[in-house]
Amino acid sequence: MPTQVLPDVETRPEGTDTSGTDEPKMFHYVKKNKIAESAVLGNLVQALCGETFPVTRAPKPGSPVCPDCKKIFESLPKGGES
């Protein structure tokens, strides 16, 4: 039986908003208690906008934020844990 070569497959989860250099194009709002868990265990987190991805970077001040996450975050009651 001849050997077949499979085509290259993109293994990055859909919707992680990366720029091709491992730098995210924008950052998302995620529940605080899930960030460390994802960073240590590699679990996927779900952003307020519904995107799911592993936490790989921490945002720097002035980093672009997902407009959908920002809109949802601003509509949440103040003082609650997000």
C-alpha atoms as a PDB file:
ATOM      1  CA  MET A   1       0.000   0.000   0.000  1.00  0.00           C
ATOM      2  CA  PRO A   2       1.541   3.394  -0.964  1.00  0.00           C
ATOM      3  CA  THR A   3       2.234   5.998   1.721  1.00  0.00           C
ATOM      4  CA  GLN A   4       0.087   9.126   1.567  1.00  0.00           C
ATOM      5  CA  VAL A   5       1.116  12.561   2.769  1.00  0.00           C
ATOM      6  CA  LEU A   6      -1.596  14.567   4.496  1.00  0.00           C
ATOM      7  CA  PRO A   7      -1.914  18.259   3.629  1.00  0.00           C
ATOM      8  CA  ASP A   8      -0.798  20.828   6.202  1.00  0.00           C
ATOM      9  CA  VAL A   9      -3.625  21.615   8.587  1.00  0.00           C
ATOM     10  CA  GLU A  10      -4.014  24.786  10.611  1.00  0.00           C
ATOM     11  CA  THR A  11      -4.039  23.676  14.249  1.00  0.00           C
ATOM     12  CA  ARG A  12      -4.666  27.061  15.876  1.00  0.00           C
ATOM     13  CA  PRO A  13      -8.217  27.339  17.245  1.00  0.00           C
ATOM     14  CA  GLU A  14     -10.544  29.509  15.161  1.00  0.00           C
ATOM     15  CA  GLY A  15     -10.981  33.078  16.275  1.00  0.00           C
ATOM     16  CA  THR A  16      -7.890  33.558  18.401  1.00  0.00           C
ATOM     17  CA  ASP A  17      -7.216  36.827  16.585  1.00  0.00           C
ATOM     18  CA  THR A  18      -3.473  36.378  16.112  1.00  0.00           C
ATOM     19  CA  SER A  19      -1.355  38.371  13.738  1.00  0.00           C
ATOM     20  CA  GLY A  20       0.852  35.471  12.567  1.00  0.00           C
ATOM     21  CA  THR A  21       3.679  36.422  14.940  1.00  0.00           C
ATOM     22  CA  ASP A  22       2.083  34.847  18.052  1.00  0.00           C
ATOM     23  CA  GLU A  23       1.021  38.364  19.066  1.00  0.00           C
ATOM     24  CA  PRO A  24      -2.764  38.715  19.400  1.00  0.00           C
ATOM     25  CA  LYS A  25      -4.378  41.407  17.237  1.00  0.00           C
ATOM     26  CA  MET A  26      -6.689  42.244  20.117  1.00  0.00           C
ATOM     27  CA  PHE A  27      -7.348  41.135  23.658  1.00  0.00           C
ATOM     28  CA  HIS A  28     -10.602  39.844  25.119  1.00  0.00           C
ATOM     29  CA  TYR A  29     -12.276  40.148  28.524  1.00  0.00           C
ATOM     30  CA  VAL A  30     -12.216  36.821  30.415  1.00  0.00           C
ATOM     31  CA  LYS A  31     -13.315  35.827  33.932  1.00  0.00           C
ATOM     32  CA  LYS A  32     -10.405  36.466  36.319  1.00  0.00           C
ATOM     33  CA  ASN A  33     -10.459  33.050  37.946  1.00  0.00           C
ATOM     34  CA  LYS A  34     -10.071  31.325  34.558  1.00  0.00           C
ATOM     35  CA  ILE A  35      -6.958  33.235  33.429  1.00  0.00           C
ATOM     36  CA  ALA A  36      -4.425  31.581  35.769  1.00  0.00           C
ATOM     37  CA  GLU A  37      -6.027  28.166  35.253  1.00  0.00           C
ATOM     38  CA  SER A  38      -5.653  28.505  31.492  1.00  0.00           C
ATOM     39  CA  ALA A  39      -2.086  29.812  31.712  1.00  0.00           C
ATOM     40  CA  VAL A  40      -0.989  26.917  33.950  1.00  0.00           C
ATOM     41  CA  LEU A  41      -3.079  24.028  32.613  1.00  0.00           C
ATOM     42  CA  GLY A  42      -3.575  25.172  29.033  1.00  0.00           C
ATOM     43  CA  ASN A  43      -7.372  25.023  29.305  1.00  0.00           C
ATOM     44  CA  LEU A  44      -9.401  27.094  26.884  1.00  0.00           C
ATOM     45  CA  VAL A  45     -11.166  30.150  28.273  1.00  0.00           C
ATOM     46  CA  GLN A  46     -14.313  31.775  26.940  1.00  0.00           C
ATOM     47  CA  ALA A  47     -14.325  35.525  26.458  1.00  0.00           C
ATOM     48  CA  LEU A  48     -17.396  37.657  27.066  1.00  0.00           C
ATOM     49  CA  CYS A  49     -17.924  37.796  23.293  1.00  0.00           C
ATOM     50  CA  GLY A  50     -17.964  33.989  23.033  1.00  0.00           C
ATOM     51  CA  GLU A  51     -14.476  33.415  21.580  1.00  0.00           C
ATOM     52  CA  THR A  52     -12.614  30.442  23.086  1.00  0.00           C
ATOM     53  CA  PHE A  53      -8.824  30.242  23.230  1.00  0.00           C
ATOM     54  CA  PRO A  54      -5.917  29.408  25.565  1.00  0.00           C
ATOM     55  CA  VAL A  55      -4.409  32.303  27.532  1.00  0.00           C
ATOM     56  CA  THR A  56      -0.953  32.910  26.103  1.00  0.00           C
ATOM     57  CA  ARG A  57      -0.264  36.616  26.609  1.00  0.00           C
ATOM     58  CA  ALA A  58      -1.016  39.370  29.105  1.00  0.00           C
ATOM     59  CA  PRO A  59      -2.204  42.665  27.635  1.00  0.00           C
ATOM     60  CA  LYS A  60      -0.042  45.745  27.962  1.00  0.00           C
ATOM     61  CA  PRO A  61      -1.608  49.139  28.687  1.00  0.00           C
ATOM     62  CA  GLY A  62      -3.059  50.541  25.477  1.00  0.00           C
ATOM     63  CA  SER A  63      -3.455  47.121  23.812  1.00  0.00           C
ATOM     64  CA  PRO A  64      -6.429  46.859  21.440  1.00  0.00           C
ATOM     65  CA  VAL A  65      -9.532  45.313  23.048  1.00  0.00           C
ATOM     66  CA  CYS A  66     -12.242  43.301  21.324  1.00  0.00           C
ATOM     67  CA  PRO A  67     -15.108  45.774  20.736  1.00  0.00           C
ATOM     68  CA  ASP A  68     -17.759  43.132  21.511  1.00  0.00           C
ATOM     69  CA  CYS A  69     -16.114  42.219  24.825  1.00  0.00           C
ATOM     70  CA  LYS A  70     -15.751  45.884  25.747  1.00  0.00           C
ATOM     71  CA  LYS A  71     -19.419  46.599  25.007  1.00  0.00           C
ATOM     72  CA  ILE A  72     -20.563  43.604  27.096  1.00  0.00           C
ATOM     73  CA  PHE A  73     -18.160  44.469  29.946  1.00  0.00           C
ATOM     74  CA  GLU A  74     -19.387  48.061  30.089  1.00  0.00           C
ATOM     75  CA  SER A  75     -22.997  46.864  30.300  1.00  0.00           C
ATOM     76  CA  LEU A  76     -22.298  44.638  33.353  1.00  0.00           C
ATOM     77  CA  PRO A  77     -23.201  45.904  36.835  1.00  0.00           C
ATOM     78  CA  LYS A  78     -20.233  47.482  38.631  1.00  0.00           C
ATOM     79  CA  GLY A  79     -18.606  45.668  41.550  1.00  0.00           C
ATOM     80  CA  GLY A  80     -19.317  42.107  40.368  1.00  0.00           C
ATOM     81  CA  GLU A  81     -16.543  39.637  39.655  1.00  0.00           C
ATOM     82  CA  SER A  82     -16.049  39.323  35.900  1.00  0.00           C
END
